Full PDB file with SEQRES, HELIX, SHEET, SSBOND, CRYST1, ORIGX, SCALE, CONECT and MASTER records, all heavy atoms in Angstrom:
SEQRES   1 A   38  GLY LEU PRO ALA ALA ALA ALA ILE SER PRO ARG GLY HIS          
SEQRES   2 A   38  TYR THR LEU ALA ILE ASP ALA ALA SER ALA SER GLY TYR          
SEQRES   3 A   38  THR ILE THR ALA THR ALA VAL ALA GLY GLY THR GLN              
HELIX    1 AA1 ALA A    4  ALA A    7  5                                   4    
SHEET    1 AA1 2 TYR A  14  ALA A  21  0                                        
SHEET    2 AA1 2 TYR A  26  ALA A  32 -1                                        
CRYST1    1.000    1.000    1.000  90.00  90.00  90.00 P 1           1          
ORIGX1      1.000000  0.000000  0.000000        0.00000                         
ORIGX2      0.000000  1.000000  0.000000        0.00000                         
ORIGX3      0.000000  0.000000  1.000000        0.00000                         
SCALE1      1.000000  0.000000  0.000000        0.00000                         
SCALE2      0.000000  1.000000  0.000000        0.00000                         
SCALE3      0.000000  0.000000  1.000000        0.00000                         
ATOM      1  N   GLY A   1      -8.162  -1.967  -4.469  1.00  0.00           N  
ATOM      2  CA  GLY A   1      -9.552  -2.396  -4.396  1.00  0.00           C  
ATOM      3  C   GLY A   1     -10.061  -2.558  -2.983  1.00  0.00           C  
ATOM      4  O   GLY A   1     -11.009  -3.314  -2.745  1.00  0.00           O  
ATOM      5  N   LEU A   2      -9.504  -1.838  -2.024  1.00  0.00           N  
ATOM      6  CA  LEU A   2      -9.930  -1.930  -0.622  1.00  0.00           C  
ATOM      7  C   LEU A   2     -11.058  -0.942  -0.339  1.00  0.00           C  
ATOM      8  O   LEU A   2     -11.219   0.055  -1.055  1.00  0.00           O  
ATOM      9  CB  LEU A   2      -8.738  -1.636   0.303  1.00  0.00           C  
ATOM     10  CG  LEU A   2      -7.549  -2.604   0.187  1.00  0.00           C  
ATOM     11  CD1 LEU A   2      -6.415  -2.134   1.102  1.00  0.00           C  
ATOM     12  CD2 LEU A   2      -7.974  -4.024   0.548  1.00  0.00           C  
ATOM     13  N   PRO A   3     -11.877  -1.178   0.675  1.00  0.00           N  
ATOM     14  CA  PRO A   3     -12.950  -0.232   1.016  1.00  0.00           C  
ATOM     15  C   PRO A   3     -12.384   1.101   1.503  1.00  0.00           C  
ATOM     16  O   PRO A   3     -11.203   1.203   1.876  1.00  0.00           O  
ATOM     17  CB  PRO A   3     -13.711  -0.954   2.132  1.00  0.00           C  
ATOM     18  CG  PRO A   3     -12.734  -1.928   2.695  1.00  0.00           C  
ATOM     19  CD  PRO A   3     -11.861  -2.355   1.553  1.00  0.00           C  
ATOM     20  N   ALA A   4     -13.257   2.107   1.538  1.00  0.00           N  
ATOM     21  CA  ALA A   4     -12.816   3.447   1.935  1.00  0.00           C  
ATOM     22  C   ALA A   4     -12.275   3.471   3.361  1.00  0.00           C  
ATOM     23  O   ALA A   4     -11.420   4.300   3.695  1.00  0.00           O  
ATOM     24  CB  ALA A   4     -13.977   4.436   1.791  1.00  0.00           C  
ATOM     25  N   ALA A   5     -12.770   2.564   4.209  1.00  0.00           N  
ATOM     26  CA  ALA A   5     -12.297   2.517   5.599  1.00  0.00           C  
ATOM     27  C   ALA A   5     -10.811   2.201   5.688  1.00  0.00           C  
ATOM     28  O   ALA A   5     -10.149   2.537   6.679  1.00  0.00           O  
ATOM     29  CB  ALA A   5     -13.102   1.488   6.394  1.00  0.00           C  
ATOM     30  N   ALA A   6     -10.252   1.560   4.646  1.00  0.00           N  
ATOM     31  CA  ALA A   6      -8.834   1.221   4.649  1.00  0.00           C  
ATOM     32  C   ALA A   6      -7.953   2.452   4.520  1.00  0.00           C  
ATOM     33  O   ALA A   6      -6.738   2.394   4.781  1.00  0.00           O  
ATOM     34  CB  ALA A   6      -8.531   0.235   3.517  1.00  0.00           C  
ATOM     35  N   ALA A   7      -8.535   3.574   4.110  1.00  0.00           N  
ATOM     36  CA  ALA A   7      -7.770   4.814   3.980  1.00  0.00           C  
ATOM     37  C   ALA A   7      -7.694   5.575   5.296  1.00  0.00           C  
ATOM     38  O   ALA A   7      -7.165   6.689   5.336  1.00  0.00           O  
ATOM     39  CB  ALA A   7      -8.386   5.698   2.903  1.00  0.00           C  
ATOM     40  N   ILE A   8      -8.213   4.981   6.367  1.00  0.00           N  
ATOM     41  CA  ILE A   8      -8.153   5.580   7.711  1.00  0.00           C  
ATOM     42  C   ILE A   8      -7.551   4.551   8.653  1.00  0.00           C  
ATOM     43  O   ILE A   8      -7.871   3.358   8.588  1.00  0.00           O  
ATOM     44  CB  ILE A   8      -9.550   6.006   8.198  1.00  0.00           C  
ATOM     45  CG1 ILE A   8     -10.179   6.996   7.207  1.00  0.00           C  
ATOM     46  CG2 ILE A   8      -9.474   6.626   9.589  1.00  0.00           C  
ATOM     47  CD1 ILE A   8     -11.606   7.365   7.548  1.00  0.00           C  
ATOM     48  N   SER A   9      -6.680   4.990   9.537  1.00  0.00           N  
ATOM     49  CA  SER A   9      -6.042   4.070  10.475  1.00  0.00           C  
ATOM     50  C   SER A   9      -7.088   3.449  11.396  1.00  0.00           C  
ATOM     51  O   SER A   9      -8.177   4.008  11.596  1.00  0.00           O  
ATOM     52  CB  SER A   9      -4.973   4.805  11.289  1.00  0.00           C  
ATOM     53  OG  SER A   9      -5.561   5.840  12.062  1.00  0.00           O  
ATOM     54  N   PRO A  10      -6.803   2.281  11.978  1.00  0.00           N  
ATOM     55  CA  PRO A  10      -7.801   1.575  12.798  1.00  0.00           C  
ATOM     56  C   PRO A  10      -8.418   2.410  13.912  1.00  0.00           C  
ATOM     57  O   PRO A  10      -9.609   2.286  14.205  1.00  0.00           O  
ATOM     58  CB  PRO A  10      -7.000   0.393  13.361  1.00  0.00           C  
ATOM     59  CG  PRO A  10      -5.927   0.152  12.354  1.00  0.00           C  
ATOM     60  CD  PRO A  10      -5.568   1.501  11.827  1.00  0.00           C  
ATOM     61  N   ARG A  11      -7.651   3.261  14.550  1.00  0.00           N  
ATOM     62  CA  ARG A  11      -8.171   4.073  15.649  1.00  0.00           C  
ATOM     63  C   ARG A  11      -8.529   5.493  15.225  1.00  0.00           C  
ATOM     64  O   ARG A  11      -8.884   6.319  16.056  1.00  0.00           O  
ATOM     65  CB  ARG A  11      -7.143   4.102  16.795  1.00  0.00           C  
ATOM     66  CG  ARG A  11      -6.866   2.717  17.374  1.00  0.00           C  
ATOM     67  CD  ARG A  11      -5.839   2.757  18.475  1.00  0.00           C  
ATOM     68  NE  ARG A  11      -6.298   3.542  19.606  1.00  0.00           N  
ATOM     69  CZ  ARG A  11      -5.554   3.795  20.690  1.00  0.00           C  
ATOM     70  NH1 ARG A  11      -4.314   3.316  20.763  1.00  0.00           N  
ATOM     71  NH2 ARG A  11      -6.034   4.520  21.667  1.00  0.00           N  
ATOM     72  N   GLY A  12      -8.414   5.766  13.921  1.00  0.00           N  
ATOM     73  CA  GLY A  12      -8.879   7.039  13.386  1.00  0.00           C  
ATOM     74  C   GLY A  12      -7.966   8.229  13.590  1.00  0.00           C  
ATOM     75  O   GLY A  12      -8.393   9.369  13.384  1.00  0.00           O  
ATOM     76  N   HIS A  13      -6.713   8.009  13.941  1.00  0.00           N  
ATOM     77  CA  HIS A  13      -5.801   9.136  14.172  1.00  0.00           C  
ATOM     78  C   HIS A  13      -5.085   9.595  12.896  1.00  0.00           C  
ATOM     79  O   HIS A  13      -4.517  10.693  12.878  1.00  0.00           O  
ATOM     80  CB  HIS A  13      -4.754   8.755  15.226  1.00  0.00           C  
ATOM     81  CG  HIS A  13      -5.334   8.420  16.561  1.00  0.00           C  
ATOM     82  ND1 HIS A  13      -6.125   9.292  17.273  1.00  0.00           N  
ATOM     83  CD2 HIS A  13      -5.255   7.293  17.314  1.00  0.00           C  
ATOM     84  CE1 HIS A  13      -6.498   8.733  18.411  1.00  0.00           C  
ATOM     85  NE2 HIS A  13      -5.985   7.526  18.456  1.00  0.00           N  
ATOM     86  N   TYR A  14      -5.106   8.775  11.849  1.00  0.00           N  
ATOM     87  CA  TYR A  14      -4.367   9.098  10.626  1.00  0.00           C  
ATOM     88  C   TYR A  14      -5.207   8.763   9.388  1.00  0.00           C  
ATOM     89  O   TYR A  14      -6.046   7.855   9.419  1.00  0.00           O  
ATOM     90  CB  TYR A  14      -3.055   8.304  10.547  1.00  0.00           C  
ATOM     91  CG  TYR A  14      -2.061   8.627  11.637  1.00  0.00           C  
ATOM     92  CD1 TYR A  14      -2.121   7.982  12.873  1.00  0.00           C  
ATOM     93  CD2 TYR A  14      -1.059   9.567  11.438  1.00  0.00           C  
ATOM     94  CE1 TYR A  14      -1.207   8.276  13.882  1.00  0.00           C  
ATOM     95  CE2 TYR A  14      -0.141   9.864  12.437  1.00  0.00           C  
ATOM     96  CZ  TYR A  14      -0.223   9.218  13.655  1.00  0.00           C  
ATOM     97  OH  TYR A  14       0.673   9.506  14.645  1.00  0.00           O  
ATOM     98  N   THR A  15      -4.960   9.520   8.331  1.00  0.00           N  
ATOM     99  CA  THR A  15      -5.472   9.156   7.005  1.00  0.00           C  
ATOM    100  C   THR A  15      -4.306   8.605   6.190  1.00  0.00           C  
ATOM    101  O   THR A  15      -3.151   9.000   6.388  1.00  0.00           O  
ATOM    102  CB  THR A  15      -6.071  10.371   6.291  1.00  0.00           C  
ATOM    103  OG1 THR A  15      -5.071  11.408   6.170  1.00  0.00           O  
ATOM    104  CG2 THR A  15      -7.258  10.928   7.068  1.00  0.00           C  
ATOM    105  N   LEU A  16      -4.596   7.695   5.254  1.00  0.00           N  
ATOM    106  CA  LEU A  16      -3.543   7.024   4.496  1.00  0.00           C  
ATOM    107  C   LEU A  16      -3.723   7.234   3.006  1.00  0.00           C  
ATOM    108  O   LEU A  16      -4.856   7.369   2.519  1.00  0.00           O  
ATOM    109  CB  LEU A  16      -3.537   5.531   4.822  1.00  0.00           C  
ATOM    110  CG  LEU A  16      -3.241   5.231   6.295  1.00  0.00           C  
ATOM    111  CD1 LEU A  16      -4.444   4.585   6.938  1.00  0.00           C  
ATOM    112  CD2 LEU A  16      -2.018   4.360   6.440  1.00  0.00           C  
ATOM    113  N   ALA A  17      -2.615   7.249   2.319  1.00  0.00           N  
ATOM    114  CA  ALA A  17      -2.652   7.430   0.862  1.00  0.00           C  
ATOM    115  C   ALA A  17      -1.400   6.823   0.246  1.00  0.00           C  
ATOM    116  O   ALA A  17      -0.324   6.789   0.867  1.00  0.00           O  
ATOM    117  CB  ALA A  17      -2.740   8.908   0.507  1.00  0.00           C  
ATOM    118  N   ILE A  18      -1.550   6.326  -0.977  1.00  0.00           N  
ATOM    119  CA  ILE A  18      -0.400   5.867  -1.758  1.00  0.00           C  
ATOM    120  C   ILE A  18       0.044   7.040  -2.620  1.00  0.00           C  
ATOM    121  O   ILE A  18      -0.682   7.499  -3.502  1.00  0.00           O  
ATOM    122  CB  ILE A  18      -0.782   4.660  -2.632  1.00  0.00           C  
ATOM    123  CG1 ILE A  18      -1.221   3.496  -1.754  1.00  0.00           C  
ATOM    124  CG2 ILE A  18       0.406   4.250  -3.506  1.00  0.00           C  
ATOM    125  CD1 ILE A  18      -1.708   2.288  -2.533  1.00  0.00           C  
ATOM    126  N   ASP A  19       1.235   7.548  -2.324  1.00  0.00           N  
ATOM    127  CA  ASP A  19       1.707   8.757  -2.999  1.00  0.00           C  
ATOM    128  C   ASP A  19       2.304   8.470  -4.373  1.00  0.00           C  
ATOM    129  O   ASP A  19       2.211   9.299  -5.292  1.00  0.00           O  
ATOM    130  CB  ASP A  19       2.750   9.469  -2.132  1.00  0.00           C  
ATOM    131  CG  ASP A  19       2.199   9.852  -0.774  1.00  0.00           C  
ATOM    132  OD1 ASP A  19       1.014  10.234  -0.701  1.00  0.00           O  
ATOM    133  OD2 ASP A  19       2.942   9.767   0.217  1.00  0.00           O  
ATOM    134  N   ALA A  20       2.954   7.343  -4.504  1.00  0.00           N  
ATOM    135  CA  ALA A  20       3.598   7.009  -5.784  1.00  0.00           C  
ATOM    136  C   ALA A  20       3.711   5.500  -5.895  1.00  0.00           C  
ATOM    137  O   ALA A  20       3.789   4.791  -4.882  1.00  0.00           O  
ATOM    138  CB  ALA A  20       4.972   7.662  -5.864  1.00  0.00           C  
ATOM    139  N   ALA A  21       3.719   5.012  -7.115  1.00  0.00           N  
ATOM    140  CA  ALA A  21       3.846   3.570  -7.333  1.00  0.00           C  
ATOM    141  C   ALA A  21       4.419   3.322  -8.725  1.00  0.00           C  
ATOM    142  O   ALA A  21       4.158   4.077  -9.674  1.00  0.00           O  
ATOM    143  CB  ALA A  21       2.494   2.883  -7.177  1.00  0.00           C  
ATOM    144  N   SER A  22       5.207   2.271  -8.834  1.00  0.00           N  
ATOM    145  CA  SER A  22       5.799   1.881 -10.118  1.00  0.00           C  
ATOM    146  C   SER A  22       6.052   0.381 -10.082  1.00  0.00           C  
ATOM    147  O   SER A  22       5.634  -0.315  -9.147  1.00  0.00           O  
ATOM    148  CB  SER A  22       7.111   2.649 -10.351  1.00  0.00           C  
ATOM    149  OG  SER A  22       8.068   2.272  -9.376  1.00  0.00           O  
ATOM    150  N   ALA A  23       6.771  -0.092 -11.034  1.00  0.00           N  
ATOM    151  CA  ALA A  23       7.092  -1.518 -11.061  1.00  0.00           C  
ATOM    152  C   ALA A  23       8.158  -1.879 -10.036  1.00  0.00           C  
ATOM    153  O   ALA A  23       8.279  -3.046  -9.638  1.00  0.00           O  
ATOM    154  CB  ALA A  23       7.537  -1.924 -12.465  1.00  0.00           C  
ATOM    155  N   SER A  24       8.916  -0.878  -9.588  1.00  0.00           N  
ATOM    156  CA  SER A  24      10.036  -1.169  -8.679  1.00  0.00           C  
ATOM    157  C   SER A  24       9.791  -0.727  -7.231  1.00  0.00           C  
ATOM    158  O   SER A  24      10.581  -1.037  -6.342  1.00  0.00           O  
ATOM    159  CB  SER A  24      11.303  -0.489  -9.186  1.00  0.00           C  
ATOM    160  OG  SER A  24      11.127   0.922  -9.256  1.00  0.00           O  
ATOM    161  N   GLY A  25       8.705   0.009  -6.993  1.00  0.00           N  
ATOM    162  CA  GLY A  25       8.494   0.462  -5.625  1.00  0.00           C  
ATOM    163  C   GLY A  25       7.238   1.290  -5.454  1.00  0.00           C  
ATOM    164  O   GLY A  25       6.462   1.492  -6.396  1.00  0.00           O  
ATOM    165  N   TYR A  26       7.049   1.790  -4.262  1.00  0.00           N  
ATOM    166  CA  TYR A  26       5.865   2.600  -3.938  1.00  0.00           C  
ATOM    167  C   TYR A  26       6.135   3.403  -2.666  1.00  0.00           C  
ATOM    168  O   TYR A  26       7.110   3.146  -1.937  1.00  0.00           O  
ATOM    169  CB  TYR A  26       4.629   1.716  -3.747  1.00  0.00           C  
ATOM    170  CG  TYR A  26       4.781   0.700  -2.628  1.00  0.00           C  
ATOM    171  CD1 TYR A  26       4.440   1.001  -1.316  1.00  0.00           C  
ATOM    172  CD2 TYR A  26       5.304  -0.567  -2.907  1.00  0.00           C  
ATOM    173  CE1 TYR A  26       4.608   0.067  -0.306  1.00  0.00           C  
ATOM    174  CE2 TYR A  26       5.480  -1.493  -1.903  1.00  0.00           C  
ATOM    175  CZ  TYR A  26       5.116  -1.183  -0.598  1.00  0.00           C  
ATOM    176  OH  TYR A  26       5.293  -2.102   0.402  1.00  0.00           O  
ATOM    177  N   THR A  27       5.244   4.352  -2.422  1.00  0.00           N  
ATOM    178  CA  THR A  27       5.325   5.171  -1.205  1.00  0.00           C  
ATOM    179  C   THR A  27       3.939   5.274  -0.582  1.00  0.00           C  
ATOM    180  O   THR A  27       2.978   5.611  -1.275  1.00  0.00           O  
ATOM    181  CB  THR A  27       5.846   6.589  -1.527  1.00  0.00           C  
ATOM    182  OG1 THR A  27       7.136   6.499  -2.129  1.00  0.00           O  
ATOM    183  CG2 THR A  27       5.952   7.412  -0.256  1.00  0.00           C  
ATOM    184  N   ILE A  28       3.843   4.968   0.702  1.00  0.00           N  
ATOM    185  CA  ILE A  28       2.585   5.070   1.449  1.00  0.00           C  
ATOM    186  C   ILE A  28       2.796   6.031   2.613  1.00  0.00           C  
ATOM    187  O   ILE A  28       3.780   5.907   3.359  1.00  0.00           O  
ATOM    188  CB  ILE A  28       2.124   3.711   1.999  1.00  0.00           C  
ATOM    189  CG1 ILE A  28       2.117   2.658   0.896  1.00  0.00           C  
ATOM    190  CG2 ILE A  28       0.747   3.824   2.644  1.00  0.00           C  
ATOM    191  CD1 ILE A  28       1.840   1.256   1.416  1.00  0.00           C  
ATOM    192  N   THR A  29       1.867   6.971   2.785  1.00  0.00           N  
ATOM    193  CA  THR A  29       2.009   7.991   3.837  1.00  0.00           C  
ATOM    194  C   THR A  29       0.787   8.004   4.735  1.00  0.00           C  
ATOM    195  O   THR A  29      -0.354   7.943   4.265  1.00  0.00           O  
ATOM    196  CB  THR A  29       2.187   9.395   3.219  1.00  0.00           C  
ATOM    197  OG1 THR A  29       3.316   9.379   2.348  1.00  0.00           O  
ATOM    198  CG2 THR A  29       2.401  10.440   4.307  1.00  0.00           C  
ATOM    199  N   ALA A  30       1.044   8.092   6.032  1.00  0.00           N  
ATOM    200  CA  ALA A  30      -0.008   8.276   7.045  1.00  0.00           C  
ATOM    201  C   ALA A  30       0.113   9.703   7.568  1.00  0.00           C  
ATOM    202  O   ALA A  30       1.179  10.108   8.051  1.00  0.00           O  
ATOM    203  CB  ALA A  30       0.149   7.278   8.181  1.00  0.00           C  
ATOM    204  N   THR A  31      -0.974  10.463   7.460  1.00  0.00           N  
ATOM    205  CA  THR A  31      -0.981  11.870   7.876  1.00  0.00           C  
ATOM    206  C   THR A  31      -1.935  12.044   9.051  1.00  0.00           C  
ATOM    207  O   THR A  31      -3.076  11.568   9.005  1.00  0.00           O  
ATOM    208  CB  THR A  31      -1.424  12.779   6.719  1.00  0.00           C  
ATOM    209  OG1 THR A  31      -0.570  12.556   5.588  1.00  0.00           O  
ATOM    210  CG2 THR A  31      -1.359  14.242   7.121  1.00  0.00           C  
ATOM    211  N   ALA A  32      -1.476  12.738  10.079  1.00  0.00           N  
ATOM    212  CA  ALA A  32      -2.299  12.959  11.271  1.00  0.00           C  
ATOM    213  C   ALA A  32      -3.561  13.733  10.907  1.00  0.00           C  
ATOM    214  O   ALA A  32      -3.523  14.679  10.114  1.00  0.00           O  
ATOM    215  CB  ALA A  32      -1.505  13.711  12.330  1.00  0.00           C  
ATOM    216  N   VAL A  33      -4.688  13.329  11.486  1.00  0.00           N  
ATOM    217  CA  VAL A  33      -5.961  13.994  11.225  1.00  0.00           C  
ATOM    218  C   VAL A  33      -5.921  15.405  11.785  1.00  0.00           C  
ATOM    219  O   VAL A  33      -5.503  15.623  12.935  1.00  0.00           O  
ATOM    220  CB  VAL A  33      -7.116  13.196  11.856  1.00  0.00           C  
ATOM    221  CG1 VAL A  33      -8.439  13.949  11.724  1.00  0.00           C  
ATOM    222  CG2 VAL A  33      -7.214  11.817  11.205  1.00  0.00           C  
ATOM    223  N   ALA A  34      -6.333  16.369  10.989  1.00  0.00           N  
ATOM    224  CA  ALA A  34      -6.331  17.765  11.432  1.00  0.00           C  
ATOM    225  C   ALA A  34      -7.248  17.940  12.634  1.00  0.00           C  
ATOM    226  O   ALA A  34      -8.376  17.441  12.655  1.00  0.00           O  
ATOM    227  CB  ALA A  34      -6.786  18.670  10.287  1.00  0.00           C  
ATOM    228  N   GLY A  35      -6.747  18.640  13.639  1.00  0.00           N  
ATOM    229  CA  GLY A  35      -7.520  18.891  14.848  1.00  0.00           C  
ATOM    230  C   GLY A  35      -7.424  17.788  15.880  1.00  0.00           C  
ATOM    231  O   GLY A  35      -7.906  17.951  17.005  1.00  0.00           O  
ATOM    232  N   GLY A  36      -6.815  16.662  15.530  1.00  0.00           N  
ATOM    233  CA  GLY A  36      -6.653  15.563  16.474  1.00  0.00           C  
ATOM    234  C   GLY A  36      -5.415  15.732  17.334  1.00  0.00           C  
ATOM    235  O   GLY A  36      -4.604  16.648  17.138  1.00  0.00           O  
ATOM    236  N   THR A  37      -5.269  14.822  18.278  1.00  0.00           N  
ATOM    237  CA  THR A  37      -4.103  14.885  19.175  1.00  0.00           C  
ATOM    238  C   THR A  37      -2.799  14.760  18.415  1.00  0.00           C  
ATOM    239  O   THR A  37      -1.832  15.456  18.697  1.00  0.00           O  
ATOM    240  CB  THR A  37      -4.196  13.764  20.227  1.00  0.00           C  
ATOM    241  OG1 THR A  37      -5.419  13.879  20.935  1.00  0.00           O  
ATOM    242  CG2 THR A  37      -3.047  13.871  21.224  1.00  0.00           C  
ATOM    243  N   GLN A  38      -2.762  13.884  17.407  1.00  0.00           N  
ATOM    244  CA  GLN A  38      -1.521  13.647  16.673  1.00  0.00           C  
ATOM    245  C   GLN A  38      -1.129  14.819  15.790  1.00  0.00           C  
ATOM    246  O   GLN A  38       0.014  14.904  15.345  1.00  0.00           O  
ATOM    247  CB  GLN A  38      -1.657  12.380  15.830  1.00  0.00           C  
ATOM    248  CG  GLN A  38      -1.872  11.122  16.653  1.00  0.00           C  
ATOM    249  CD  GLN A  38      -0.842  10.964  17.744  1.00  0.00           C  
ATOM    250  OE1 GLN A  38      -1.125  11.272  18.901  1.00  0.00           O  
ATOM    251  NE2 GLN A  38       0.341  10.510  17.402  1.00  0.00           N  
TER     252      GLN A  38                                                      
MASTER        0    0    0    1    2    0    0    6  251    1    0    3          
END                                                                             
């Protein structure tokens, strides 16, 4: 339930997503923005 801005890193170098989730765990990935330095 977070705002859309939460899906972007504070300085804008990465986008974030929850790839998988269950009762026992989860996976969160930060991907470098295309065309950026990272």
